[in-house]
């Protein structure tokens, strides 16, 4: 049996124009998943882009302000929870977990508190999507065009411990290697060992907080990071496809599960639980 997919987006995420909650639930049943968590994007950071980089994403162009910053729309928490309830009634044999993915929660504490007062969210992911530089917040692709890739990744990893220690709301750290997804093709190949100290510091901080590390299968899988997580005392691992449409559900989960098991983690007592050491 495949692990629970704990990081999935539907039409309730502002960047998932092809998301469909009911179709994704049907796909989960077809794949035999024990559970699925809809962790919709909740973002408050406005980040700078070069308008041309949004050409493949026309749905994002309408979110640009006069300063060429993407302004995420407000998350419709009540609409999302109603949709989730409908799916639970339609798919009674599938465990459907409510959740959100908080972008940079350490920078937006008041907004996060207001959201979490709306309703219960069972799975809360913490994500670092943007990093500041030159008085602007931008995602990694923008930084990689301006700066040496090693500097960008080190800045990204340096901010993670701050997010972990100051934002207690989230229980799972999503895609610790998010910046690596966008590693420039014309740079030297990414070598995780060149950043081992920085990864280990972030992982040790996460382990000390008692939280969970996500293995995100949307980007490249690096078994070294999971091994360092084990070495630094990490107790549990979750899996996330980061799917933004039904066909992306549980992407490469069999391979990811084998990799995680090789690093010393095993399934929990119930199929929908995190994997533990």
C-alpha atoms as a PDB file:
ATOM      1  CA  UNK A   1       0.000   0.000   0.000  1.00  0.00           C
ATOM      2  CA  UNK A   2       1.242   3.479  -0.868  1.00  0.00           C
ATOM      3  CA  UNK A   3       1.663   6.039   1.928  1.00  0.00           C
ATOM      4  CA  UNK A   4      -0.844   8.796   2.585  1.00  0.00           C
ATOM      5  CA  UNK A   5      -0.432  11.755   0.255  1.00  0.00           C
ATOM      6  CA  UNK A   6      -0.141  14.565   2.787  1.00  0.00           C
ATOM      7  CA  UNK A   7       0.401  17.506   0.432  1.00  0.00           C
ATOM      8  CA  UNK A   8      -2.279  17.976  -2.226  1.00  0.00           C
ATOM      9  CA  UNK A   9      -3.883  21.036  -3.801  1.00  0.00           C
ATOM     10  CA  UNK A  10      -7.308  21.467  -5.348  1.00  0.00           C
ATOM     11  CA  UNK A  11      -9.285  24.297  -6.945  1.00  0.00           C
ATOM     12  CA  UNK A  12      -9.199  26.009  -3.544  1.00  0.00           C
ATOM     13  CA  UNK A  13      -5.503  26.807  -4.028  1.00  0.00           C
ATOM     14  CA  UNK A  14      -4.961  30.029  -5.941  1.00  0.00           C
ATOM     15  CA  UNK A  15      -2.236  28.498  -8.148  1.00  0.00           C
ATOM     16  CA  UNK A  16      -4.099  25.296  -9.096  1.00  0.00           C
ATOM     17  CA  UNK A  17      -6.353  26.182 -12.049  1.00  0.00           C
ATOM     18  CA  UNK A  18      -6.643  22.483 -12.933  1.00  0.00           C
ATOM     19  CA  UNK A  19      -7.244  21.325  -9.380  1.00  0.00           C
ATOM     20  CA  UNK A  20     -10.435  19.376  -8.672  1.00  0.00           C
ATOM     21  CA  UNK A  21     -11.113  18.074  -5.176  1.00  0.00           C
ATOM     22  CA  UNK A  22     -13.740  15.472  -6.086  1.00  0.00           C
ATOM     23  CA  UNK A  23     -11.729  14.117  -9.035  1.00  0.00           C
ATOM     24  CA  UNK A  24      -8.647  13.935  -6.844  1.00  0.00           C
ATOM     25  CA  UNK A  25     -10.553  11.921  -4.235  1.00  0.00           C
ATOM     26  CA  UNK A  26     -11.714   9.536  -6.964  1.00  0.00           C
ATOM     27  CA  UNK A  27      -8.109   9.184  -8.106  1.00  0.00           C
ATOM     28  CA  UNK A  28      -7.021   8.439  -4.530  1.00  0.00           C
ATOM     29  CA  UNK A  29      -9.594   5.625  -4.316  1.00  0.00           C
ATOM     30  CA  UNK A  30      -8.461   4.228  -7.668  1.00  0.00           C
ATOM     31  CA  UNK A  31      -4.832   4.226  -6.494  1.00  0.00           C
ATOM     32  CA  UNK A  32      -5.738   2.577  -3.203  1.00  0.00           C
ATOM     33  CA  UNK A  33      -4.387   5.409  -1.057  1.00  0.00           C
ATOM     34  CA  UNK A  34      -5.288   5.094   2.628  1.00  0.00           C
ATOM     35  CA  UNK A  35      -5.765   8.838   3.021  1.00  0.00           C
ATOM     36  CA  UNK A  36      -5.270  12.217   1.386  1.00  0.00           C
ATOM     37  CA  UNK A  37      -4.673  15.663   2.860  1.00  0.00           C
ATOM     38  CA  UNK A  38      -5.846  18.746   0.970  1.00  0.00           C
ATOM     39  CA  UNK A  39      -3.316  21.343   2.105  1.00  0.00           C
ATOM     40  CA  UNK A  40      -4.397  24.452   0.236  1.00  0.00           C
ATOM     41  CA  UNK A  41      -2.102  27.412  -0.242  1.00  0.00           C
ATOM     42  CA  UNK A  42      -2.416  30.244   2.239  1.00  0.00           C
ATOM     43  CA  UNK A  43       0.045  32.940   1.215  1.00  0.00           C
ATOM     44  CA  UNK A  44       0.405  36.559   2.259  1.00  0.00           C
ATOM     45  CA  UNK A  45       3.856  37.435   0.909  1.00  0.00           C
ATOM     46  CA  UNK A  46       3.870  39.640  -2.182  1.00  0.00           C
ATOM     47  CA  UNK A  47       6.853  38.623  -4.279  1.00  0.00           C
ATOM     48  CA  UNK A  48       8.658  40.254  -7.165  1.00  0.00           C
ATOM     49  CA  UNK A  49       8.792  38.577 -10.565  1.00  0.00           C
ATOM     50  CA  UNK A  50       9.894  39.417 -14.064  1.00  0.00           C
ATOM     51  CA  UNK A  51       6.562  39.542 -15.949  1.00  0.00           C
ATOM     52  CA  UNK A  52       7.934  37.409 -18.790  1.00  0.00           C
ATOM     53  CA  UNK A  53       8.463  34.484 -16.421  1.00  0.00           C
ATOM     54  CA  UNK A  54       4.682  34.284 -15.992  1.00  0.00           C
ATOM     55  CA  UNK A  55       4.058  33.699 -19.715  1.00  0.00           C
ATOM     56  CA  UNK A  56       3.505  29.936 -19.146  1.00  0.00           C
ATOM     57  CA  UNK A  57       1.149  30.761 -16.262  1.00  0.00           C
ATOM     58  CA  UNK A  58      -1.548  33.122 -17.569  1.00  0.00           C
ATOM     59  CA  UNK A  59      -3.667  32.552 -14.456  1.00  0.00           C
ATOM     60  CA  UNK A  60      -0.957  34.271 -12.410  1.00  0.00           C
ATOM     61  CA  UNK A  61      -0.646  37.372 -14.596  1.00  0.00           C
ATOM     62  CA  UNK A  62      -3.927  38.756 -13.290  1.00  0.00           C
ATOM     63  CA  UNK A  63      -2.403  38.739  -9.791  1.00  0.00           C
ATOM     64  CA  UNK A  64       0.386  41.207 -10.669  1.00  0.00           C
ATOM     65  CA  UNK A  65       0.309  44.643  -9.072  1.00  0.00           C
ATOM     66  CA  UNK A  66       1.850  47.859 -10.427  1.00  0.00           C
ATOM     67  CA  UNK A  67       5.231  46.938  -8.922  1.00  0.00           C
ATOM     68  CA  UNK A  68       5.398  43.567 -10.719  1.00  0.00           C
ATOM     69  CA  UNK A  69       4.646  41.655  -7.546  1.00  0.00           C
ATOM     70  CA  UNK A  70       2.388  38.628  -7.370  1.00  0.00           C
ATOM     71  CA  UNK A  71      -0.369  39.304  -4.823  1.00  0.00           C
ATOM     72  CA  UNK A  72      -1.957  36.014  -3.681  1.00  0.00           C
ATOM     73  CA  UNK A  73      -5.731  36.185  -3.241  1.00  0.00           C
ATOM     74  CA  UNK A  74      -7.444  35.548   0.073  1.00  0.00           C
ATOM     75  CA  UNK A  75      -8.068  31.877   0.870  1.00  0.00           C
ATOM     76  CA  UNK A  76     -11.778  30.988   1.059  1.00  0.00           C
ATOM     77  CA  UNK A  77     -11.560  28.815   4.169  1.00  0.00           C
ATOM     78  CA  UNK A  78     -15.310  28.355   4.597  1.00  0.00           C
ATOM     79  CA  UNK A  79     -15.841  27.359   0.968  1.00  0.00           C
ATOM     80  CA  UNK A  80     -12.951  24.919   1.200  1.00  0.00           C
ATOM     81  CA  UNK A  81     -14.297  23.282   4.370  1.00  0.00           C
ATOM     82  CA  UNK A  82     -17.758  22.896   2.825  1.00  0.00           C
ATOM     83  CA  UNK A  83     -16.245  21.241  -0.250  1.00  0.00           C
ATOM     84  CA  UNK A  84     -14.206  18.937   1.968  1.00  0.00           C
ATOM     85  CA  UNK A  85     -17.338  17.914   3.851  1.00  0.00           C
ATOM     86  CA  UNK A  86     -19.109  17.047   0.586  1.00  0.00           C
ATOM     87  CA  UNK A  87     -16.199  14.855  -0.464  1.00  0.00           C
ATOM     88  CA  UNK A  88     -16.187  13.058   2.875  1.00  0.00           C
ATOM     89  CA  UNK A  89     -19.823  12.135   2.344  1.00  0.00           C
ATOM     90  CA  UNK A  90     -19.235  11.058  -1.252  1.00  0.00           C
ATOM     91  CA  UNK A  91     -16.100   8.997  -0.436  1.00  0.00           C
ATOM     92  CA  UNK A  92     -16.800   7.527   3.015  1.00  0.00           C
ATOM     93  CA  UNK A  93     -14.066   4.871   2.763  1.00  0.00           C
ATOM     94  CA  UNK A  94     -11.306   7.404   2.050  1.00  0.00           C
ATOM     95  CA  UNK A  95      -9.800   9.259   4.977  1.00  0.00           C
ATOM     96  CA  UNK A  96      -9.826  12.904   3.847  1.00  0.00           C
ATOM     97  CA  UNK A  97      -7.669  15.165   5.990  1.00  0.00           C
ATOM     98  CA  UNK A  98      -8.249  18.913   6.190  1.00  0.00           C
ATOM     99  CA  UNK A  99      -5.201  21.123   5.948  1.00  0.00           C
ATOM    100  CA  UNK A 100      -3.412  24.212   4.753  1.00  0.00           C
ATOM    101  CA  UNK A 101       0.058  25.062   3.520  1.00  0.00           C
ATOM    102  CA  UNK A 102       1.199  28.245   5.247  1.00  0.00           C
ATOM    103  CA  UNK A 103       3.688  30.235   3.211  1.00  0.00           C
ATOM    104  CA  UNK A 104       6.265  32.014   5.372  1.00  0.00           C
ATOM    105  CA  UNK A 105       4.115  31.773   8.524  1.00  0.00           C
ATOM    106  CA  UNK A 106       6.809  33.482  10.616  1.00  0.00           C
ATOM    107  CA  UNK A 107       6.290  36.677   8.617  1.00  0.00           C
ATOM    108  CA  UNK A 108       2.499  36.743   8.878  1.00  0.00           C
ATOM    109  CA  UNK A 109       1.607  35.706  12.405  1.00  0.00           C
ATOM    110  CA  UNK A 110      -1.565  37.809  12.736  1.00  0.00           C
ATOM    111  CA  UNK A 111      -3.040  36.600   9.442  1.00  0.00           C
ATOM    112  CA  UNK A 112      -2.251  32.976  10.328  1.00  0.00           C
ATOM    113  CA  UNK A 113      -3.946  33.332  13.709  1.00  0.00           C
ATOM    114  CA  UNK A 114      -7.102  34.705  12.080  1.00  0.00           C
ATOM    115  CA  UNK A 115      -7.197  31.842   9.599  1.00  0.00           C
ATOM    116  CA  UNK A 116      -6.769  29.112  12.204  1.00  0.00           C
ATOM    117  CA  UNK A 117      -9.628  30.601  14.210  1.00  0.00           C
ATOM    118  CA  UNK A 118     -12.027  29.882  11.314  1.00  0.00           C
ATOM    119  CA  UNK A 119     -12.013  26.095  11.660  1.00  0.00           C
ATOM    120  CA  UNK A 120     -10.025  22.998  12.475  1.00  0.00           C
ATOM    121  CA  UNK A 121      -7.215  22.059  10.120  1.00  0.00           C
ATOM    122  CA  UNK A 122      -5.732  18.648  10.816  1.00  0.00           C
ATOM    123  CA  UNK A 123      -2.582  18.897   8.690  1.00  0.00           C
ATOM    124  CA  UNK A 124      -0.698  22.209   8.704  1.00  0.00           C
ATOM    125  CA  UNK A 125       2.368  22.496   6.524  1.00  0.00           C
ATOM    126  CA  UNK A 126       4.961  25.230   6.864  1.00  0.00           C
ATOM    127  CA  UNK A 127       6.612  26.339   3.629  1.00  0.00           C
ATOM    128  CA  UNK A 128       9.331  28.748   2.669  1.00  0.00           C
ATOM    129  CA  UNK A 129       8.651  29.817  -0.907  1.00  0.00           C
ATOM    130  CA  UNK A 130      10.299  33.243  -0.991  1.00  0.00           C
ATOM    131  CA  UNK A 131      13.445  34.753   0.460  1.00  0.00           C
ATOM    132  CA  UNK A 132      14.268  38.444   0.805  1.00  0.00           C
ATOM    133  CA  UNK A 133      17.114  40.158  -1.000  1.00  0.00           C
ATOM    134  CA  UNK A 134      17.689  43.813  -1.932  1.00  0.00           C
ATOM    135  CA  UNK A 135      14.450  44.902  -0.246  1.00  0.00           C
ATOM    136  CA  UNK A 136      12.415  42.429  -2.286  1.00  0.00           C
ATOM    137  CA  UNK A 137      10.950  39.021  -1.586  1.00  0.00           C
ATOM    138  CA  UNK A 138      11.189  36.612  -4.498  1.00  0.00           C
ATOM    139  CA  UNK A 139      10.978  32.928  -5.273  1.00  0.00           C
ATOM    140  CA  UNK A 140      14.185  30.985  -6.056  1.00  0.00           C
ATOM    141  CA  UNK A 141      14.021  31.268  -9.881  1.00  0.00           C
ATOM    142  CA  UNK A 142      14.206  35.075  -9.644  1.00  0.00           C
ATOM    143  CA  UNK A 143      17.172  34.866  -7.263  1.00  0.00           C
ATOM    144  CA  UNK A 144      19.023  32.339  -9.406  1.00  0.00           C
ATOM    145  CA  UNK A 145      18.945  34.770 -12.344  1.00  0.00           C
ATOM    146  CA  UNK A 146      20.538  37.477 -10.216  1.00  0.00           C
ATOM    147  CA  UNK A 147      22.958  35.674  -7.910  1.00  0.00           C
ATOM    148  CA  UNK A 148      25.306  32.657  -7.594  1.00  0.00           C
ATOM    149  CA  UNK A 149      23.202  29.545  -6.946  1.00  0.00           C
ATOM    150  CA  UNK A 150      25.181  28.555  -3.848  1.00  0.00           C
ATOM    151  CA  UNK A 151      24.464  31.921  -2.223  1.00  0.00           C
ATOM    152  CA  UNK A 152      20.751  31.577  -2.966  1.00  0.00           C
ATOM    153  CA  UNK A 153      20.474  28.105  -1.467  1.00  0.00           C
ATOM    154  CA  UNK A 154      22.466  29.059   1.625  1.00  0.00           C
ATOM    155  CA  UNK A 155      20.197  32.064   2.197  1.00  0.00           C
ATOM    156  CA  UNK A 156      17.178  29.813   1.794  1.00  0.00           C
ATOM    157  CA  UNK A 157      18.460  27.234   4.264  1.00  0.00           C
ATOM    158  CA  UNK A 158      19.536  29.957   6.709  1.00  0.00           C
ATOM    159  CA  UNK A 159      15.976  31.274   6.991  1.00  0.00           C
ATOM    160  CA  UNK A 160      14.406  27.890   7.691  1.00  0.00           C
ATOM    161  CA  UNK A 161      15.542  27.674  11.354  1.00  0.00           C
ATOM    162  CA  UNK A 162      14.021  31.099  11.996  1.00  0.00           C
ATOM    163  CA  UNK A 163      10.713  29.968  10.527  1.00  0.00           C
ATOM    164  CA  UNK A 164      10.793  26.747  12.543  1.00  0.00           C
ATOM    165  CA  UNK A 165      11.535  28.427  15.869  1.00  0.00           C
ATOM    166  CA  UNK A 166       9.167  31.398  15.551  1.00  0.00           C
ATOM    167  CA  UNK A 167       6.097  29.862  13.860  1.00  0.00           C
ATOM    168  CA  UNK A 168       4.658  27.169  16.099  1.00  0.00           C
ATOM    169  CA  UNK A 169       1.457  26.740  14.091  1.00  0.00           C
ATOM    170  CA  UNK A 170       2.702  24.170  11.589  1.00  0.00           C
ATOM    171  CA  UNK A 171       3.450  20.512  12.253  1.00  0.00           C
ATOM    172  CA  UNK A 172       5.152  19.448   9.014  1.00  0.00           C
ATOM    173  CA  UNK A 173       7.979  21.192   7.181  1.00  0.00           C
ATOM    174  CA  UNK A 174       7.230  20.988   3.470  1.00  0.00           C
ATOM    175  CA  UNK A 175       9.861  20.621   0.730  1.00  0.00           C
ATOM    176  CA  UNK A 176      13.028  21.574   2.590  1.00  0.00           C
ATOM    177  CA  UNK A 177      14.730  21.356  -0.812  1.00  0.00           C
ATOM    178  CA  UNK A 178      12.243  23.662  -2.555  1.00  0.00           C
ATOM    179  CA  UNK A 179      14.983  25.896  -3.967  1.00  0.00           C
ATOM    180  CA  UNK A 180      16.753  22.897  -5.500  1.00  0.00           C
ATOM    181  CA  UNK A 181      13.789  22.372  -7.833  1.00  0.00           C
ATOM    182  CA  UNK A 182      14.915  25.470  -9.696  1.00  0.00           C
ATOM    183  CA  UNK A 183      18.675  24.859  -9.673  1.00  0.00           C
ATOM    184  CA  UNK A 184      20.006  26.509 -12.862  1.00  0.00           C
ATOM    185  CA  UNK A 185      20.684  24.100 -15.710  1.00  0.00           C
ATOM    186  CA  UNK A 186      23.820  26.034 -16.705  1.00  0.00           C
ATOM    187  CA  UNK A 187      25.357  25.854 -13.208  1.00  0.00           C
ATOM    188  CA  UNK A 188      27.478  23.080 -11.727  1.00  0.00           C
ATOM    189  CA  UNK A 189      25.236  20.112 -10.856  1.00  0.00           C
ATOM    190  CA  UNK A 190      23.651  20.342  -7.438  1.00  0.00           C
ATOM    191  CA  UNK A 191      25.742  18.556  -4.812  1.00  0.00           C
ATOM    192  CA  UNK A 192      23.925  18.132  -1.477  1.00  0.00           C
ATOM    193  CA  UNK A 193      27.197  17.546   0.343  1.00  0.00           C
ATOM    194  CA  UNK A 194      28.329  21.085  -0.504  1.00  0.00           C
ATOM    195  CA  UNK A 195      25.457  22.278   1.722  1.00  0.00           C
ATOM    196  CA  UNK A 196      25.504  19.527   4.328  1.00  0.00           C
ATOM    197  CA  UNK A 197      26.168  21.831   7.285  1.00  0.00           C
ATOM    198  CA  UNK A 198      23.290  24.136   6.344  1.00  0.00           C
ATOM    199  CA  UNK A 199      20.871  21.265   5.768  1.00  0.00           C
ATOM    200  CA  UNK A 200      21.870  19.601   9.022  1.00  0.00           C
ATOM    201  CA  UNK A 201      21.363  22.799  11.007  1.00  0.00           C
ATOM    202  CA  UNK A 202      17.839  23.222   9.648  1.00  0.00           C
ATOM    203  CA  UNK A 203      17.066  19.537  10.186  1.00  0.00           C
ATOM    204  CA  UNK A 204      18.420  19.598  13.746  1.00  0.00           C
ATOM    205  CA  UNK A 205      16.275  22.628  14.539  1.00  0.00           C
ATOM    206  CA  UNK A 206      13.229  20.844  13.121  1.00  0.00           C
ATOM    207  CA  UNK A 207      13.999  17.652  15.062  1.00  0.00           C
ATOM    208  CA  UNK A 208      14.422  19.585  18.302  1.00  0.00           C
ATOM    209  CA  UNK A 209      10.957  21.087  17.758  1.00  0.00           C
ATOM    210  CA  UNK A 210       9.390  17.626  17.529  1.00  0.00           C
ATOM    211  CA  UNK A 211       7.933  18.174  14.086  1.00  0.00           C
ATOM    212  CA  UNK A 212       7.797  16.125  10.887  1.00  0.00           C
ATOM    213  CA  UNK A 213       9.883  16.318   7.722  1.00  0.00           C
ATOM    214  CA  UNK A 214       8.067  15.979   4.414  1.00  0.00           C
ATOM    215  CA  UNK A 215       9.568  14.079   1.504  1.00  0.00           C
ATOM    216  CA  UNK A 216       8.173  15.976  -1.453  1.00  0.00           C
ATOM    217  CA  UNK A 217       8.182  14.025  -4.706  1.00  0.00           C
ATOM    218  CA  UNK A 218       7.550  16.953  -7.017  1.00  0.00           C
ATOM    219  CA  UNK A 219      11.228  17.859  -6.974  1.00  0.00           C
ATOM    220  CA  UNK A 220      14.390  15.758  -7.065  1.00  0.00           C
ATOM    221  CA  UNK A 221      14.725  13.166  -4.316  1.00  0.00           C
ATOM    222  CA  UNK A 222      17.896  13.383  -2.275  1.00  0.00           C
ATOM    223  CA  UNK A 223      18.315  10.401   0.073  1.00  0.00           C
ATOM    224  CA  UNK A 224      21.164  12.229   1.817  1.00  0.00           C
ATOM    225  CA  UNK A 225      18.680  14.712   3.305  1.00  0.00           C
ATOM    226  CA  UNK A 226      16.539  11.929   4.767  1.00  0.00           C
ATOM    227  CA  UNK A 227      19.676  10.263   6.142  1.00  0.00           C
ATOM    228  CA  UNK A 228      20.754  13.515   7.780  1.00  0.00           C
ATOM    229  CA  UNK A 229      17.251  13.887   9.209  1.00  0.00           C
ATOM    230  CA  UNK A 230      17.646  10.484  10.842  1.00  0.00           C
ATOM    231  CA  UNK A 231      21.143  11.370  12.096  1.00  0.00           C
ATOM    232  CA  UNK A 232      19.926  14.640  13.631  1.00  0.00           C
ATOM    233  CA  UNK A 233      17.196  12.893  15.622  1.00  0.00           C
ATOM    234  CA  UNK A 234      14.201  13.312  13.326  1.00  0.00           C
ATOM    235  CA  UNK A 235      11.411  11.027  14.475  1.00  0.00           C
ATOM    236  CA  UNK A 236       8.913  11.026  11.602  1.00  0.00           C
ATOM    237  CA  UNK A 237       8.553  11.483   7.843  1.00  0.00           C
ATOM    238  CA  UNK A 238       5.522  12.367   5.745  1.00  0.00           C
ATOM    239  CA  UNK A 239       5.051  12.091   1.992  1.00  0.00           C
ATOM    240  CA  UNK A 240       3.681  14.759  -0.317  1.00  0.00           C
ATOM    241  CA  UNK A 241       3.188  14.832  -4.076  1.00  0.00           C
ATOM    242  CA  UNK A 242       2.451  18.565  -4.096  1.00  0.00           C
ATOM    243  CA  UNK A 243      -0.133  17.676  -6.747  1.00  0.00           C
ATOM    244  CA  UNK A 244      -1.964  20.616  -8.301  1.00  0.00           C
ATOM    245  CA  UNK A 245      -4.257  18.426 -10.401  1.00  0.00           C
ATOM    246  CA  UNK A 246      -5.664  14.907  -9.970  1.00  0.00           C
ATOM    247  CA  UNK A 247      -3.132  13.192 -12.242  1.00  0.00           C
ATOM    248  CA  UNK A 248      -0.253  14.326 -10.023  1.00  0.00           C
ATOM    249  CA  UNK A 249      -1.511  12.469  -6.957  1.00  0.00           C
ATOM    250  CA  UNK A 250       1.008  10.115  -5.265  1.00  0.00           C
ATOM    251  CA  UNK A 251       3.616  10.877  -7.949  1.00  0.00           C
ATOM    252  CA  UNK A 252       6.569   8.453  -7.600  1.00  0.00           C
ATOM    253  CA  UNK A 253       5.413   7.392  -4.130  1.00  0.00           C
ATOM    254  CA  UNK A 254       6.615   3.802  -4.487  1.00  0.00           C
ATOM    255  CA  UNK A 255      10.142   4.989  -5.220  1.00  0.00           C
ATOM    256  CA  UNK A 256      10.031   7.570  -2.435  1.00  0.00           C
ATOM    257  CA  UNK A 257       8.782   5.016   0.091  1.00  0.00           C
ATOM    258  CA  UNK A 258      11.607   2.638  -0.794  1.00  0.00           C
ATOM    259  CA  UNK A 259      14.137   5.451  -0.387  1.00  0.00           C
ATOM    260  CA  UNK A 260      12.742   6.508   3.006  1.00  0.00           C
ATOM    261  CA  UNK A 261      12.685   2.922   4.225  1.00  0.00           C
ATOM    262  CA  UNK A 262      16.334   2.519   3.224  1.00  0.00           C
ATOM    263  CA  UNK A 263      17.192   5.447   5.503  1.00  0.00           C
ATOM    264  CA  UNK A 264      15.639   3.789   8.559  1.00  0.00           C
ATOM    265  CA  UNK A 265      11.972   4.848   8.641  1.00  0.00           C
ATOM    266  CA  UNK A 266       8.981   2.486   8.670  1.00  0.00           C
ATOM    267  CA  UNK A 267       5.199   2.828   8.289  1.00  0.00           C
ATOM    268  CA  UNK A 268       3.241   3.754  11.413  1.00  0.00           C
ATOM    269  CA  UNK A 269       0.679   1.552  13.142  1.00  0.00           C
ATOM    270  CA  UNK A 270      -2.085   2.747  10.806  1.00  0.00           C
ATOM    271  CA  UNK A 271      -1.735   3.303   7.037  1.00  0.00           C
ATOM    272  CA  UNK A 272      -2.625   6.993   7.338  1.00  0.00           C
ATOM    273  CA  UNK A 273       0.027   7.783   9.971  1.00  0.00           C
ATOM    274  CA  UNK A 274       3.480   9.258   9.446  1.00  0.00           C
ATOM    275  CA  UNK A 275       6.427   6.917   8.954  1.00  0.00           C
ATOM    276  CA  UNK A 276       8.643   6.652  12.040  1.00  0.00           C
ATOM    277  CA  UNK A 277      12.144   5.471  12.910  1.00  0.00           C
END
